[in-house]
Amino acid sequence: MTAALALASFAALLWLFLGDTRRVAPSLAPGSTSQGTALAAPAATLKSPAADGAAGEALGARRAALELGVRVRGEAGLRGRVVERDGGAPVAGARVELLPVPPAGAAVLGRMLRMFAMGDDMWKRVQPIAVAATDARGEYAFRGVRPGTYYLEARGEWHAPDGVVRARATRKDDAAAPDIQMLAAGRVVGVVLRPDGTPAPRAKLALVPGPGTFLTVARNGDVRFMEGESDEFGRFAFDGVLPGAGWEITASSPEFALTHARDISVAAGVATEVELRARLGGVIVGRVVGEDADGARAPVAGAHLGAVPRGLRNLRCVEEV
């Protein structure tokens, strides 16, 4: 069973990595990023043009909530723009990640490394090297990162990436990346409730494409786990979700059993509301025994045990189980 799971995981990763190269923009000069335990403060802050009124305040608030910074520092830089595919209008307030691996593989590979207890340093290597935000002109910049070739992914409140972009960061501040093109998207918002109906804070959530959306997101290179967590009131939000039917949300917590919300439809420019009522879980207790030197039954201390979920839908959540 373990070998089969490992083989299936490897095949899935291979497919994800190959699928991510469908639309790779020409790379420029090498750029790199860094990783540590937490994002450091940005080496420099983008100066966006003055924006008036509520629109400017909203953009500033969104940028402040994106946890910008650099993980692995160096002397390279990279800048670029995020624009709508149709019309080329700038996308403001988008989160732009500098990734060492294709976006689709980052979440999956990170989950595998955590599941196989490879250590914190290993799984963090596939996490974003740096994070930036676009200003009112749709422009972003990474400064103080390690030179190298990276993948770029952008996601806005109402925009999702149209394909994968790869670029190189160099020691020249004016190194430019290809434009990141975006599609109109929707949001999925809602609340997670415990089995008794009260809000479930800090529940882990994953939004994944179902059969009705899989081909669409595969064509755009956006096949990935979108992970999140409910707040203290059980509320959650996923931004930049591609339009389509059949999206699924999975919620997990020590307080309840693995729970799914299925057949979620998303439309561009619309916030789809979901109420996820968790299922009551059970507790499994037991004892591990073996044979001692004399052949008698004896308890086994320090044995490692794991639960294997049933069904393909739960198999993707083996880390939570």
C-alpha atoms as a PDB file:
ATOM      1  CA  MET A   1       0.000   0.000   0.000  1.00  0.00           C
ATOM      2  CA  THR A   2       2.812   2.436   0.898  1.00  0.00           C
ATOM      3  CA  ALA A   3       4.618   1.720  -2.359  1.00  0.00           C
ATOM      4  CA  ALA A   4       1.409   2.266  -4.327  1.00  0.00           C
ATOM      5  CA  LEU A   5       0.786   5.598  -2.613  1.00  0.00           C
ATOM      6  CA  ALA A   6       4.346   6.716  -3.265  1.00  0.00           C
ATOM      7  CA  LEU A   7       4.084   5.705  -6.936  1.00  0.00           C
ATOM      8  CA  ALA A   8       0.769   7.505  -7.327  1.00  0.00           C
ATOM      9  CA  SER A   9       2.177  10.626  -5.665  1.00  0.00           C
ATOM     10  CA  PHE A  10       5.214  10.583  -7.946  1.00  0.00           C
ATOM     11  CA  ALA A  11       3.032  10.202 -11.032  1.00  0.00           C
ATOM     12  CA  ALA A  12       0.826  13.083  -9.930  1.00  0.00           C
ATOM     13  CA  LEU A  13       3.844  15.309  -9.353  1.00  0.00           C
ATOM     14  CA  LEU A  14       5.307  14.408 -12.732  1.00  0.00           C
ATOM     15  CA  TRP A  15       2.033  15.284 -14.426  1.00  0.00           C
ATOM     16  CA  LEU A  16       1.804  18.563 -12.529  1.00  0.00           C
ATOM     17  CA  PHE A  17       5.325  19.606 -13.402  1.00  0.00           C
ATOM     18  CA  LEU A  18       4.950  18.750 -17.073  1.00  0.00           C
ATOM     19  CA  GLY A  19       1.562  20.453 -17.221  1.00  0.00           C
ATOM     20  CA  ASP A  20       3.021  23.633 -15.759  1.00  0.00           C
ATOM     21  CA  THR A  21       5.379  24.098 -18.681  1.00  0.00           C
ATOM     22  CA  ARG A  22       2.578  24.446 -21.201  1.00  0.00           C
ATOM     23  CA  ARG A  23       2.890  28.201 -21.424  1.00  0.00           C
ATOM     24  CA  VAL A  24       6.338  29.384 -20.429  1.00  0.00           C
ATOM     25  CA  ALA A  25       7.286  32.902 -21.418  1.00  0.00           C
ATOM     26  CA  PRO A  26      10.836  33.567 -22.588  1.00  0.00           C
ATOM     27  CA  SER A  27      13.210  33.767 -19.653  1.00  0.00           C
ATOM     28  CA  LEU A  28      15.340  36.844 -19.158  1.00  0.00           C
ATOM     29  CA  ALA A  29      18.370  36.995 -16.907  1.00  0.00           C
ATOM     30  CA  PRO A  30      18.881  34.660 -13.949  1.00  0.00           C
ATOM     31  CA  GLY A  31      17.223  35.696 -10.761  1.00  0.00           C
ATOM     32  CA  SER A  32      16.814  34.040  -7.496  1.00  0.00           C
ATOM     33  CA  THR A  33      15.058  34.171  -4.277  1.00  0.00           C
ATOM     34  CA  SER A  34      15.560  32.956  -0.860  1.00  0.00           C
ATOM     35  CA  GLN A  35      14.055  30.845   1.786  1.00  0.00           C
ATOM     36  CA  GLY A  36      14.210  30.898   5.494  1.00  0.00           C
ATOM     37  CA  THR A  37      11.742  30.335   8.246  1.00  0.00           C
ATOM     38  CA  ALA A  38       9.728  33.474   7.672  1.00  0.00           C
ATOM     39  CA  LEU A  39       9.435  36.298   5.188  1.00  0.00           C
ATOM     40  CA  ALA A  40      11.740  39.181   5.976  1.00  0.00           C
ATOM     41  CA  ALA A  41      10.718  42.746   5.361  1.00  0.00           C
ATOM     42  CA  PRO A  42      10.972  43.764   1.705  1.00  0.00           C
ATOM     43  CA  ALA A  43      14.357  45.185   0.731  1.00  0.00           C
ATOM     44  CA  ALA A  44      12.544  48.064  -0.947  1.00  0.00           C
ATOM     45  CA  THR A  45       8.974  49.196  -1.222  1.00  0.00           C
ATOM     46  CA  LEU A  46       7.267  49.949  -4.504  1.00  0.00           C
ATOM     47  CA  LYS A  47       6.151  53.540  -4.845  1.00  0.00           C
ATOM     48  CA  SER A  48       2.724  53.422  -6.406  1.00  0.00           C
ATOM     49  CA  PRO A  49       1.091  56.518  -7.833  1.00  0.00           C
ATOM     50  CA  ALA A  50      -1.125  58.429  -5.477  1.00  0.00           C
ATOM     51  CA  ALA A  51      -4.625  57.017  -5.503  1.00  0.00           C
ATOM     52  CA  ASP A  52      -7.557  58.973  -4.130  1.00  0.00           C
ATOM     53  CA  GLY A  53     -10.459  58.021  -1.932  1.00  0.00           C
ATOM     54  CA  ALA A  54     -11.799  54.576  -1.143  1.00  0.00           C
ATOM     55  CA  ALA A  55     -10.089  52.880  -4.105  1.00  0.00           C
ATOM     56  CA  GLY A  56      -6.659  53.950  -2.892  1.00  0.00           C
ATOM     57  CA  GLU A  57      -7.431  52.906   0.683  1.00  0.00           C
ATOM     58  CA  ALA A  58      -8.706  49.508  -0.467  1.00  0.00           C
ATOM     59  CA  LEU A  59      -5.567  48.911  -2.554  1.00  0.00           C
ATOM     60  CA  GLY A  60      -3.338  49.873   0.360  1.00  0.00           C
ATOM     61  CA  ALA A  61      -5.214  47.590   2.752  1.00  0.00           C
ATOM     62  CA  ARG A  62      -4.996  44.649   0.360  1.00  0.00           C
ATOM     63  CA  ARG A  63      -1.260  45.150  -0.204  1.00  0.00           C
ATOM     64  CA  ALA A  64      -0.698  45.330   3.555  1.00  0.00           C
ATOM     65  CA  ALA A  65      -2.450  41.971   4.061  1.00  0.00           C
ATOM     66  CA  LEU A  66      -0.365  40.055   1.511  1.00  0.00           C
ATOM     67  CA  GLU A  67       2.659  39.342   3.755  1.00  0.00           C
ATOM     68  CA  LEU A  68       5.252  40.747   1.376  1.00  0.00           C
ATOM     69  CA  GLY A  69       8.941  40.034   1.729  1.00  0.00           C
ATOM     70  CA  VAL A  70      11.959  37.921   0.798  1.00  0.00           C
ATOM     71  CA  ARG A  71      12.963  34.524   2.188  1.00  0.00           C
ATOM     72  CA  VAL A  72      16.417  34.066   0.669  1.00  0.00           C
ATOM     73  CA  ARG A  73      18.344  37.233   0.173  1.00  0.00           C
ATOM     74  CA  GLY A  74      20.839  38.051  -2.529  1.00  0.00           C
ATOM     75  CA  GLU A  75      21.885  40.878  -4.816  1.00  0.00           C
ATOM     76  CA  ALA A  76      19.500  40.336  -7.730  1.00  0.00           C
ATOM     77  CA  GLY A  77      16.272  42.014  -8.772  1.00  0.00           C
ATOM     78  CA  LEU A  78      13.335  41.414 -11.066  1.00  0.00           C
ATOM     79  CA  ARG A  79      10.403  43.600 -12.039  1.00  0.00           C
ATOM     80  CA  GLY A  80       7.371  43.251 -14.236  1.00  0.00           C
ATOM     81  CA  ARG A  81       3.668  43.878 -14.789  1.00  0.00           C
ATOM     82  CA  VAL A  82       0.450  41.994 -14.196  1.00  0.00           C
ATOM     83  CA  VAL A  83      -2.221  42.721 -16.812  1.00  0.00           C
ATOM     84  CA  GLU A  84      -5.559  41.383 -18.004  1.00  0.00           C
ATOM     85  CA  ARG A  85      -5.229  39.070 -20.992  1.00  0.00           C
ATOM     86  CA  ASP A  86      -8.136  40.734 -22.765  1.00  0.00           C
ATOM     87  CA  GLY A  87      -7.405  44.417 -23.187  1.00  0.00           C
ATOM     88  CA  GLY A  88      -4.146  44.637 -21.228  1.00  0.00           C
ATOM     89  CA  ALA A  89      -5.571  46.646 -18.311  1.00  0.00           C
ATOM     90  CA  PRO A  90      -3.305  46.641 -15.219  1.00  0.00           C
ATOM     91  CA  VAL A  91      -4.269  44.415 -12.288  1.00  0.00           C
ATOM     92  CA  ALA A  92      -3.718  46.257  -9.011  1.00  0.00           C
ATOM     93  CA  GLY A  93      -3.346  44.608  -5.618  1.00  0.00           C
ATOM     94  CA  ALA A  94      -2.368  41.193  -6.998  1.00  0.00           C
ATOM     95  CA  ARG A  95      -0.105  38.920  -4.960  1.00  0.00           C
ATOM     96  CA  VAL A  96       2.941  37.897  -7.009  1.00  0.00           C
ATOM     97  CA  GLU A  97       5.024  34.928  -5.869  1.00  0.00           C
ATOM     98  CA  LEU A  98       8.561  34.058  -6.949  1.00  0.00           C
ATOM     99  CA  LEU A  99       8.722  30.261  -6.897  1.00  0.00           C
ATOM    100  CA  PRO A 100      11.581  27.751  -7.240  1.00  0.00           C
ATOM    101  CA  VAL A 101       9.238  25.108  -8.711  1.00  0.00           C
ATOM    102  CA  PRO A 102       6.141  25.274 -10.955  1.00  0.00           C
ATOM    103  CA  PRO A 103       3.126  26.671  -9.072  1.00  0.00           C
ATOM    104  CA  ALA A 104       1.100  23.466  -9.393  1.00  0.00           C
ATOM    105  CA  GLY A 105       3.884  21.433  -7.846  1.00  0.00           C
ATOM    106  CA  ALA A 106       4.676  23.738  -4.918  1.00  0.00           C
ATOM    107  CA  ALA A 107       1.672  22.848  -2.755  1.00  0.00           C
ATOM    108  CA  VAL A 108       1.638  19.146  -3.674  1.00  0.00           C
ATOM    109  CA  LEU A 109       5.369  18.655  -3.196  1.00  0.00           C
ATOM    110  CA  GLY A 110       5.272  20.549   0.091  1.00  0.00           C
ATOM    111  CA  ARG A 111       2.506  18.295   1.364  1.00  0.00           C
ATOM    112  CA  MET A 112       4.453  15.185   0.366  1.00  0.00           C
ATOM    113  CA  LEU A 113       7.630  16.350   2.088  1.00  0.00           C
ATOM    114  CA  ARG A 114       5.720  17.143   5.289  1.00  0.00           C
ATOM    115  CA  MET A 115       3.850  13.832   5.148  1.00  0.00           C
ATOM    116  CA  PHE A 116       7.075  11.854   4.798  1.00  0.00           C
ATOM    117  CA  ALA A 117       8.629  13.815   7.692  1.00  0.00           C
ATOM    118  CA  MET A 118      11.469  15.241   5.594  1.00  0.00           C
ATOM    119  CA  GLY A 119      11.963  18.128   8.000  1.00  0.00           C
ATOM    120  CA  ASP A 120      10.988  21.793   7.972  1.00  0.00           C
ATOM    121  CA  ASP A 121      13.964  22.858   5.852  1.00  0.00           C
ATOM    122  CA  MET A 122      13.019  20.487   3.038  1.00  0.00           C
ATOM    123  CA  TRP A 123       9.377  21.459   2.519  1.00  0.00           C
ATOM    124  CA  LYS A 124      10.117  25.158   2.890  1.00  0.00           C
ATOM    125  CA  ARG A 125      12.441  24.951  -0.112  1.00  0.00           C
ATOM    126  CA  VAL A 126       9.434  24.636  -2.428  1.00  0.00           C
ATOM    127  CA  GLN A 127       7.592  27.575  -0.862  1.00  0.00           C
ATOM    128  CA  PRO A 128       7.686  31.102  -2.369  1.00  0.00           C
ATOM    129  CA  ILE A 129      11.152  32.615  -2.344  1.00  0.00           C
ATOM    130  CA  ALA A 130       9.687  36.093  -2.237  1.00  0.00           C
ATOM    131  CA  VAL A 131       6.282  37.772  -2.396  1.00  0.00           C
ATOM    132  CA  ALA A 132       5.435  41.154  -3.912  1.00  0.00           C
ATOM    133  CA  ALA A 133       2.253  43.071  -4.686  1.00  0.00           C
ATOM    134  CA  THR A 134       1.256  45.084  -7.716  1.00  0.00           C
ATOM    135  CA  ASP A 135       0.644  48.798  -7.477  1.00  0.00           C
ATOM    136  CA  ALA A 136      -2.047  50.818  -9.238  1.00  0.00           C
ATOM    137  CA  ARG A 137      -0.139  50.453 -12.529  1.00  0.00           C
ATOM    138  CA  GLY A 138      -0.031  46.676 -12.186  1.00  0.00           C
ATOM    139  CA  GLU A 139       3.720  46.816 -11.570  1.00  0.00           C
ATOM    140  CA  TYR A 140       5.725  44.817  -9.042  1.00  0.00           C
ATOM    141  CA  ALA A 141       9.394  44.412  -8.136  1.00  0.00           C
ATOM    142  CA  PHE A 142      11.527  41.859  -6.318  1.00  0.00           C
ATOM    143  CA  ARG A 143      14.694  43.328  -4.845  1.00  0.00           C
ATOM    144  CA  GLY A 144      17.444  41.731  -2.829  1.00  0.00           C
ATOM    145  CA  VAL A 145      16.890  38.158  -4.054  1.00  0.00           C
ATOM    146  CA  ARG A 146      19.376  35.527  -5.121  1.00  0.00           C
ATOM    147  CA  PRO A 147      20.141  35.361  -8.872  1.00  0.00           C
ATOM    148  CA  GLY A 148      18.499  32.490 -10.705  1.00  0.00           C
ATOM    149  CA  THR A 149      15.600  31.265 -12.823  1.00  0.00           C
ATOM    150  CA  TYR A 150      12.171  31.200 -11.226  1.00  0.00           C
ATOM    151  CA  TYR A 151       8.478  30.733 -11.847  1.00  0.00           C
ATOM    152  CA  LEU A 152       6.116  33.651 -11.348  1.00  0.00           C
ATOM    153  CA  GLU A 153       2.524  33.328 -10.241  1.00  0.00           C
ATOM    154  CA  ALA A 154       0.074  36.157  -9.665  1.00  0.00           C
ATOM    155  CA  ARG A 155      -3.411  36.003  -8.202  1.00  0.00           C
ATOM    156  CA  GLY A 156      -5.761  38.875  -7.539  1.00  0.00           C
ATOM    157  CA  GLU A 157      -9.026  39.193  -5.703  1.00  0.00           C
ATOM    158  CA  TRP A 158     -10.916  38.860  -9.010  1.00  0.00           C
ATOM    159  CA  HIS A 159      -8.176  37.524 -11.303  1.00  0.00           C
ATOM    160  CA  ALA A 160      -6.522  34.131 -11.888  1.00  0.00           C
ATOM    161  CA  PRO A 161      -3.331  33.389 -13.863  1.00  0.00           C
ATOM    162  CA  ASP A 162      -3.535  32.513 -17.544  1.00  0.00           C
ATOM    163  CA  GLY A 163      -0.651  30.080 -17.880  1.00  0.00           C
ATOM    164  CA  VAL A 164       2.780  29.930 -16.303  1.00  0.00           C
ATOM    165  CA  VAL A 165       5.525  32.540 -16.610  1.00  0.00           C
ATOM    166  CA  ARG A 166       9.220  31.879 -16.023  1.00  0.00           C
ATOM    167  CA  ALA A 167      11.925  34.517 -15.760  1.00  0.00           C
ATOM    168  CA  ARG A 168      15.451  35.103 -14.523  1.00  0.00           C
ATOM    169  CA  ALA A 169      16.487  37.554 -11.848  1.00  0.00           C
ATOM    170  CA  THR A 170      19.806  39.327 -12.327  1.00  0.00           C
ATOM    171  CA  ARG A 171      21.928  41.753 -10.415  1.00  0.00           C
ATOM    172  CA  LYS A 172      20.524  44.509 -12.599  1.00  0.00           C
ATOM    173  CA  ASP A 173      17.574  46.261 -11.005  1.00  0.00           C
ATOM    174  CA  ASP A 174      16.039  46.801 -14.434  1.00  0.00           C
ATOM    175  CA  ALA A 175      15.810  43.077 -15.287  1.00  0.00           C
ATOM    176  CA  ALA A 176      12.296  42.720 -16.695  1.00  0.00           C
ATOM    177  CA  ALA A 177      10.036  39.691 -16.649  1.00  0.00           C
ATOM    178  CA  PRO A 178       7.399  38.970 -19.305  1.00  0.00           C
ATOM    179  CA  ASP A 179       3.950  40.335 -18.520  1.00  0.00           C
ATOM    180  CA  ILE A 180       1.876  38.029 -16.343  1.00  0.00           C
ATOM    181  CA  GLN A 181      -1.486  37.754 -18.058  1.00  0.00           C
ATOM    182  CA  MET A 182      -4.641  37.261 -16.020  1.00  0.00           C
ATOM    183  CA  LEU A 183      -8.181  36.005 -16.589  1.00  0.00           C
ATOM    184  CA  ALA A 184     -11.349  37.317 -14.973  1.00  0.00           C
ATOM    185  CA  ALA A 185     -12.170  35.138 -11.963  1.00  0.00           C
ATOM    186  CA  GLY A 186     -14.482  34.851  -8.990  1.00  0.00           C
ATOM    187  CA  ARG A 187     -14.194  34.273  -5.260  1.00  0.00           C
ATOM    188  CA  VAL A 188     -15.359  31.504  -2.948  1.00  0.00           C
ATOM    189  CA  VAL A 189     -16.274  32.743   0.532  1.00  0.00           C
ATOM    190  CA  GLY A 190     -18.097  31.164   3.412  1.00  0.00           C
ATOM    191  CA  VAL A 191     -18.016  29.719   6.892  1.00  0.00           C
ATOM    192  CA  VAL A 192     -17.051  26.398   8.475  1.00  0.00           C
ATOM    193  CA  LEU A 193     -19.361  25.131  11.207  1.00  0.00           C
ATOM    194  CA  ARG A 194     -18.727  22.418  13.765  1.00  0.00           C
ATOM    195  CA  PRO A 195     -21.141  19.467  13.899  1.00  0.00           C
ATOM    196  CA  ASP A 196     -23.099  21.342  16.600  1.00  0.00           C
ATOM    197  CA  GLY A 197     -23.512  24.386  14.342  1.00  0.00           C
ATOM    198  CA  THR A 198     -21.052  26.715  16.068  1.00  0.00           C
ATOM    199  CA  PRO A 199     -18.255  28.372  14.043  1.00  0.00           C
ATOM    200  CA  ALA A 200     -15.095  26.299  13.589  1.00  0.00           C
ATOM    201  CA  PRO A 201     -12.014  28.531  13.951  1.00  0.00           C
ATOM    202  CA  ARG A 202      -8.626  27.650  12.462  1.00  0.00           C
ATOM    203  CA  ALA A 203      -9.934  24.840  10.292  1.00  0.00           C
ATOM    204  CA  LYS A 204      -7.645  23.968   7.393  1.00  0.00           C
ATOM    205  CA  LEU A 205      -9.235  24.272   3.965  1.00  0.00           C
ATOM    206  CA  ALA A 206      -8.303  23.187   0.459  1.00  0.00           C
ATOM    207  CA  LEU A 207     -10.108  24.258  -2.714  1.00  0.00           C
ATOM    208  CA  VAL A 208      -9.515  21.939  -5.666  1.00  0.00           C
ATOM    209  CA  PRO A 209     -11.012  21.598  -9.156  1.00  0.00           C
ATOM    210  CA  GLY A 210     -13.607  18.902  -9.624  1.00  0.00           C
ATOM    211  CA  PRO A 211     -14.338  16.971 -12.829  1.00  0.00           C
ATOM    212  CA  GLY A 212     -16.297  19.881 -14.323  1.00  0.00           C
ATOM    213  CA  THR A 213     -13.430  22.355 -13.905  1.00  0.00           C
ATOM    214  CA  PHE A 214     -10.357  20.161 -14.236  1.00  0.00           C
ATOM    215  CA  LEU A 215      -9.809  20.549 -17.987  1.00  0.00           C
ATOM    216  CA  THR A 216     -10.182  24.330 -17.820  1.00  0.00           C
ATOM    217  CA  VAL A 217      -7.646  24.800 -15.039  1.00  0.00           C
ATOM    218  CA  ALA A 218      -5.304  22.259 -16.662  1.00  0.00           C
ATOM    219  CA  ARG A 219      -5.227  24.300 -19.864  1.00  0.00           C
ATOM    220  CA  ASN A 220      -4.272  27.389 -17.838  1.00  0.00           C
ATOM    221  CA  GLY A 221      -1.632  25.589 -15.777  1.00  0.00           C
ATOM    222  CA  ASP A 222      -3.577  26.351 -12.587  1.00  0.00           C
ATOM    223  CA  VAL A 223      -4.036  22.773 -11.342  1.00  0.00           C
ATOM    224  CA  ARG A 224      -3.170  23.117  -7.695  1.00  0.00           C
ATOM    225  CA  PHE A 225      -4.309  23.020  -4.109  1.00  0.00           C
ATOM    226  CA  MET A 226      -5.542  26.425  -3.005  1.00  0.00           C
ATOM    227  CA  GLU A 227      -5.058  26.224   0.738  1.00  0.00           C
ATOM    228  CA  GLY A 228      -6.417  28.447   3.464  1.00  0.00           C
ATOM    229  CA  GLU A 229      -7.605  28.590   7.046  1.00  0.00           C
ATOM    230  CA  SER A 230     -10.788  29.823   8.677  1.00  0.00           C
ATOM    231  CA  ASP A 231     -10.550  32.785  11.022  1.00  0.00           C
ATOM    232  CA  GLU A 232     -11.708  32.931  14.636  1.00  0.00           C
ATOM    233  CA  PHE A 233     -15.314  33.127  13.434  1.00  0.00           C
ATOM    234  CA  GLY A 234     -14.996  30.187  11.034  1.00  0.00           C
ATOM    235  CA  ARG A 235     -14.977  32.454   7.976  1.00  0.00           C
ATOM    236  CA  PHE A 236     -12.781  31.884   4.925  1.00  0.00           C
ATOM    237  CA  ALA A 237     -12.184  33.305   1.456  1.00  0.00           C
ATOM    238  CA  PHE A 238     -10.440  32.073  -1.690  1.00  0.00           C
ATOM    239  CA  ASP A 239      -9.522  34.762  -4.211  1.00  0.00           C
ATOM    240  CA  GLY A 240      -8.925  34.427  -7.933  1.00  0.00           C
ATOM    241  CA  VAL A 241     -10.861  31.219  -8.609  1.00  0.00           C
ATOM    242  CA  LEU A 242     -11.357  30.339 -12.267  1.00  0.00           C
ATOM    243  CA  PRO A 243     -15.008  30.268 -13.417  1.00  0.00           C
ATOM    244  CA  GLY A 244     -16.573  26.842 -13.773  1.00  0.00           C
ATOM    245  CA  ALA A 245     -18.644  24.161 -12.083  1.00  0.00           C
ATOM    246  CA  GLY A 246     -17.580  21.294  -9.865  1.00  0.00           C
ATOM    247  CA  TRP A 247     -15.132  22.963  -7.486  1.00  0.00           C
ATOM    248  CA  GLU A 248     -14.703  21.185  -4.138  1.00  0.00           C
ATOM    249  CA  ILE A 249     -13.663  22.362  -0.675  1.00  0.00           C
ATOM    250  CA  THR A 250     -12.232  20.043   1.953  1.00  0.00           C
ATOM    251  CA  ALA A 251     -12.115  21.084   5.616  1.00  0.00           C
ATOM    252  CA  SER A 252     -10.090  19.392   8.336  1.00  0.00           C
ATOM    253  CA  SER A 253      -9.607  19.986  12.043  1.00  0.00           C
ATOM    254  CA  PRO A 254      -8.889  17.974  15.194  1.00  0.00           C
ATOM    255  CA  GLU A 255     -12.468  18.863  16.210  1.00  0.00           C
ATOM    256  CA  PHE A 256     -14.259  17.018  13.395  1.00  0.00           C
ATOM    257  CA  ALA A 257     -13.928  14.448  10.634  1.00  0.00           C
ATOM    258  CA  LEU A 258     -12.718  15.286   7.146  1.00  0.00           C
ATOM    259  CA  THR A 259     -15.603  17.109   5.429  1.00  0.00           C
ATOM    260  CA  HIS A 260     -16.221  18.018   1.779  1.00  0.00           C
ATOM    261  CA  ALA A 261     -18.394  20.596   0.035  1.00  0.00           C
ATOM    262  CA  ARG A 262     -18.930  19.535  -3.582  1.00  0.00           C
ATOM    263  CA  ASP A 263     -20.335  20.879  -6.848  1.00  0.00           C
ATOM    264  CA  ILE A 264     -19.429  24.509  -6.188  1.00  0.00           C
ATOM    265  CA  SER A 265     -19.982  26.781  -9.192  1.00  0.00           C
ATOM    266  CA  VAL A 266     -17.883  29.907  -9.667  1.00  0.00           C
ATOM    267  CA  ALA A 267     -18.595  32.845 -11.996  1.00  0.00           C
ATOM    268  CA  ALA A 268     -16.299  35.742 -12.906  1.00  0.00           C
ATOM    269  CA  GLY A 269     -16.890  38.796 -10.760  1.00  0.00           C
ATOM    270  CA  VAL A 270     -19.144  36.901  -8.326  1.00  0.00           C
ATOM    271  CA  ALA A 271     -18.462  35.816  -4.737  1.00  0.00           C
ATOM    272  CA  THR A 272     -19.910  32.316  -4.318  1.00  0.00           C
ATOM    273  CA  GLU A 273     -21.020  31.692  -0.731  1.00  0.00           C
ATOM    274  CA  VAL A 274     -20.530  28.280   0.886  1.00  0.00           C
ATOM    275  CA  GLU A 275     -21.617  27.013   4.300  1.00  0.00           C
ATOM    276  CA  LEU A 276     -19.631  23.914   5.230  1.00  0.00           C
ATOM    277  CA  ARG A 277     -21.180  21.902   8.077  1.00  0.00           C
ATOM    278  CA  ALA A 278     -18.566  19.527   9.449  1.00  0.00           C
ATOM    279  CA  ARG A 279     -19.174  15.865  10.170  1.00  0.00           C
ATOM    280  CA  LEU A 280     -18.770  14.361  13.613  1.00  0.00           C
ATOM    281  CA  GLY A 281     -15.669  12.210  13.842  1.00  0.00           C
ATOM    282  CA  GLY A 282     -14.781   9.226  15.964  1.00  0.00           C
ATOM    283  CA  VAL A 283     -11.763   8.106  17.936  1.00  0.00           C
ATOM    284  CA  ILE A 284      -9.814   4.924  17.290  1.00  0.00           C
ATOM    285  CA  VAL A 285      -7.907   3.416  20.207  1.00  0.00           C
ATOM    286  CA  GLY A 286      -5.926   0.220  20.339  1.00  0.00           C
ATOM    287  CA  ARG A 287      -2.673  -1.449  21.200  1.00  0.00           C
ATOM    288  CA  VAL A 288       0.320  -2.591  19.168  1.00  0.00           C
ATOM    289  CA  VAL A 289       1.724  -5.963  20.199  1.00  0.00           C
ATOM    290  CA  GLY A 290       4.432  -8.239  18.933  1.00  0.00           C
ATOM    291  CA  GLU A 291       6.434 -11.215  20.100  1.00  0.00           C
ATOM    292  CA  ASP A 292       9.284 -11.122  22.576  1.00  0.00           C
ATOM    293  CA  ALA A 293      12.395 -13.312  22.454  1.00  0.00           C
ATOM    294  CA  ASP A 294      10.429 -16.209  23.933  1.00  0.00           C
ATOM    295  CA  GLY A 295       7.610 -15.953  21.419  1.00  0.00           C
ATOM    296  CA  ALA A 296       5.146 -14.480  23.898  1.00  0.00           C
ATOM    297  CA  ARG A 297       2.927 -11.508  23.042  1.00  0.00           C
ATOM    298  CA  ALA A 298       4.405  -8.232  24.252  1.00  0.00           C
ATOM    299  CA  PRO A 299       3.506  -4.552  23.765  1.00  0.00           C
ATOM    300  CA  VAL A 300       5.525  -2.624  21.182  1.00  0.00           C
ATOM    301  CA  ALA A 301       6.618   0.834  22.306  1.00  0.00           C
ATOM    302  CA  GLY A 302       7.426   3.663  19.863  1.00  0.00           C
ATOM    303  CA  ALA A 303       5.625   2.146  16.872  1.00  0.00           C
ATOM    304  CA  HIS A 304       4.630   4.572  14.107  1.00  0.00           C
ATOM    305  CA  LEU A 305       1.008   4.351  12.998  1.00  0.00           C
ATOM    306  CA  GLY A 306      -0.940   6.088  10.275  1.00  0.00           C
ATOM    307  CA  ALA A 307      -4.514   6.110   9.015  1.00  0.00           C
ATOM    308  CA  VAL A 308      -5.022   5.555   5.281  1.00  0.00           C
ATOM    309  CA  PRO A 309      -8.175   7.291   3.966  1.00  0.00           C
ATOM    310  CA  ARG A 310     -10.632   5.454   1.753  1.00  0.00           C
ATOM    311  CA  GLY A 311     -11.678   6.787  -1.647  1.00  0.00           C
ATOM    312  CA  LEU A 312      -9.849   9.028  -4.119  1.00  0.00           C
ATOM    313  CA  ARG A 313     -11.451  12.194  -2.725  1.00  0.00           C
ATOM    314  CA  ASN A 314      -9.985  11.536   0.728  1.00  0.00           C
ATOM    315  CA  LEU A 315      -6.691  10.206  -0.599  1.00  0.00           C
ATOM    316  CA  ARG A 316      -5.555  13.708  -1.537  1.00  0.00           C
ATOM    317  CA  CYS A 317      -6.015  14.658   2.137  1.00  0.00           C
ATOM    318  CA  VAL A 318      -3.845  11.887   3.543  1.00  0.00           C
ATOM    319  CA  GLU A 319      -1.692  14.460   5.365  1.00  0.00           C
ATOM    320  CA  GLU A 320      -4.704  15.706   7.350  1.00  0.00           C
ATOM    321  CA  VAL A 321      -5.964  12.186   8.092  1.00  0.00           C
END
